Amino acid sequence: MIDVVYFAWVRERIGLPRESVETSAATVADLVAELRAREDRYDMAFTDLSALRVAVDQELTDFDAPLAGVREVAFFPPMTGG
């Protein structure tokens, strides 16, 4: 079981701030594919991965990051400085 956390417009499109997901995904990209196959709202949220960043157990990483032993995956838009 992995906790999946959504921030900003990702949360708005999916309609949840977080959820626990039972997954057999090996990587973040595999998890995204599983989520996209669930419902249209997930598919819309993950249409353009270049518009998203991902953190695994609160460490910024890439979509090819392995999920073995991971407790949390968070998706969010790129942060802008100012």
Protein backbone atom coordinates (compact mmCIF):
# COMPACT_ATOMS: atom_id res chain seq x y z
CA MET A 1 0.00 0.00 0.00
CA ILE A 2 1.35 3.41 -1.01
CA ASP A 3 0.01 6.81 0.04
CA VAL A 4 -0.43 9.00 -3.02
CA VAL A 5 -0.62 12.75 -2.39
CA TYR A 6 -1.87 15.32 -4.89
CA PHE A 7 -1.15 19.06 -4.77
CA ALA A 8 -2.50 22.18 -6.50
CA TRP A 9 -4.34 21.59 -9.80
CA VAL A 10 -3.58 17.86 -9.67
CA ARG A 11 -5.68 17.63 -6.49
CA GLU A 12 -8.39 19.76 -8.09
CA ARG A 13 -8.64 17.53 -11.17
CA ILE A 14 -8.65 14.29 -9.21
CA GLY A 15 -10.83 15.63 -6.39
CA LEU A 16 -8.77 14.15 -3.55
CA PRO A 17 -5.85 15.48 -1.49
CA ARG A 18 -4.49 11.95 -0.85
CA GLU A 19 -5.40 8.29 -1.05
CA SER A 20 -3.92 4.91 -0.23
CA VAL A 21 -3.33 2.83 -3.34
CA GLU A 22 -2.81 -0.90 -3.60
CA THR A 23 -0.37 -1.26 -6.49
CA SER A 24 1.93 -3.71 -8.19
CA ALA A 25 3.74 -0.85 -9.99
CA ALA A 26 7.54 -1.13 -10.14
CA THR A 27 8.15 2.55 -10.93
CA VAL A 28 6.41 5.90 -10.58
CA ALA A 29 5.60 5.76 -14.32
CA ASP A 30 3.93 2.38 -13.83
CA LEU A 31 1.88 3.83 -10.96
CA VAL A 32 0.81 6.74 -13.18
CA ALA A 33 -0.28 4.25 -15.87
CA GLU A 34 -2.36 2.35 -13.28
CA LEU A 35 -3.96 5.57 -12.03
CA ARG A 36 -4.71 6.82 -15.56
CA ALA A 37 -6.51 3.56 -16.32
CA ARG A 38 -8.84 4.04 -13.31
CA GLU A 39 -11.03 6.95 -14.41
CA ASP A 40 -11.08 9.92 -16.77
CA ARG A 41 -10.25 12.37 -13.96
CA TYR A 42 -6.91 10.60 -13.36
CA ASP A 43 -6.24 10.40 -17.08
CA MET A 44 -6.80 14.16 -17.38
CA ALA A 45 -4.57 14.93 -14.40
CA PHE A 46 -1.67 12.90 -15.79
CA THR A 47 -2.00 13.72 -19.50
CA ASP A 48 1.13 15.88 -19.65
CA LEU A 49 3.83 14.50 -17.35
CA SER A 50 6.19 17.31 -18.36
CA ALA A 51 3.85 19.61 -16.39
CA LEU A 52 4.30 17.54 -13.23
CA ARG A 53 6.96 16.85 -10.67
CA VAL A 54 7.09 13.84 -8.38
CA ALA A 55 8.52 13.16 -4.95
CA VAL A 56 9.02 9.71 -3.46
CA ASP A 57 9.11 9.65 0.34
CA GLN A 58 9.53 13.45 0.20
CA GLU A 59 12.57 13.32 -2.12
CA LEU A 60 12.25 14.93 -5.54
CA THR A 61 12.82 12.29 -8.20
CA ASP A 62 11.99 11.18 -11.75
CA PHE A 63 9.10 9.14 -13.11
CA ASP A 64 11.43 6.16 -13.61
CA ALA A 65 12.13 5.97 -9.85
CA PRO A 66 11.53 2.53 -8.32
CA LEU A 67 8.71 2.07 -5.82
CA ALA A 68 10.13 -0.86 -3.83
CA GLY A 69 9.77 -0.04 -0.13
CA VAL A 70 8.23 3.39 -0.83
CA ARG A 71 5.55 4.69 1.54
CA GLU A 72 4.51 7.92 -0.20
CA VAL A 73 4.41 9.35 -3.72
CA ALA A 74 3.46 13.00 -4.22
CA PHE A 75 2.53 14.72 -7.50
CA PHE A 76 2.63 18.50 -7.94
CA PRO A 77 3.20 21.15 -10.60
CA PRO A 78 6.66 22.71 -10.90
CA MET A 79 7.31 25.30 -8.22
CA THR A 80 8.12 28.81 -9.32
CA GLY A 81 10.45 31.12 -7.48
CA GLY A 82 9.78 34.73 -6.77
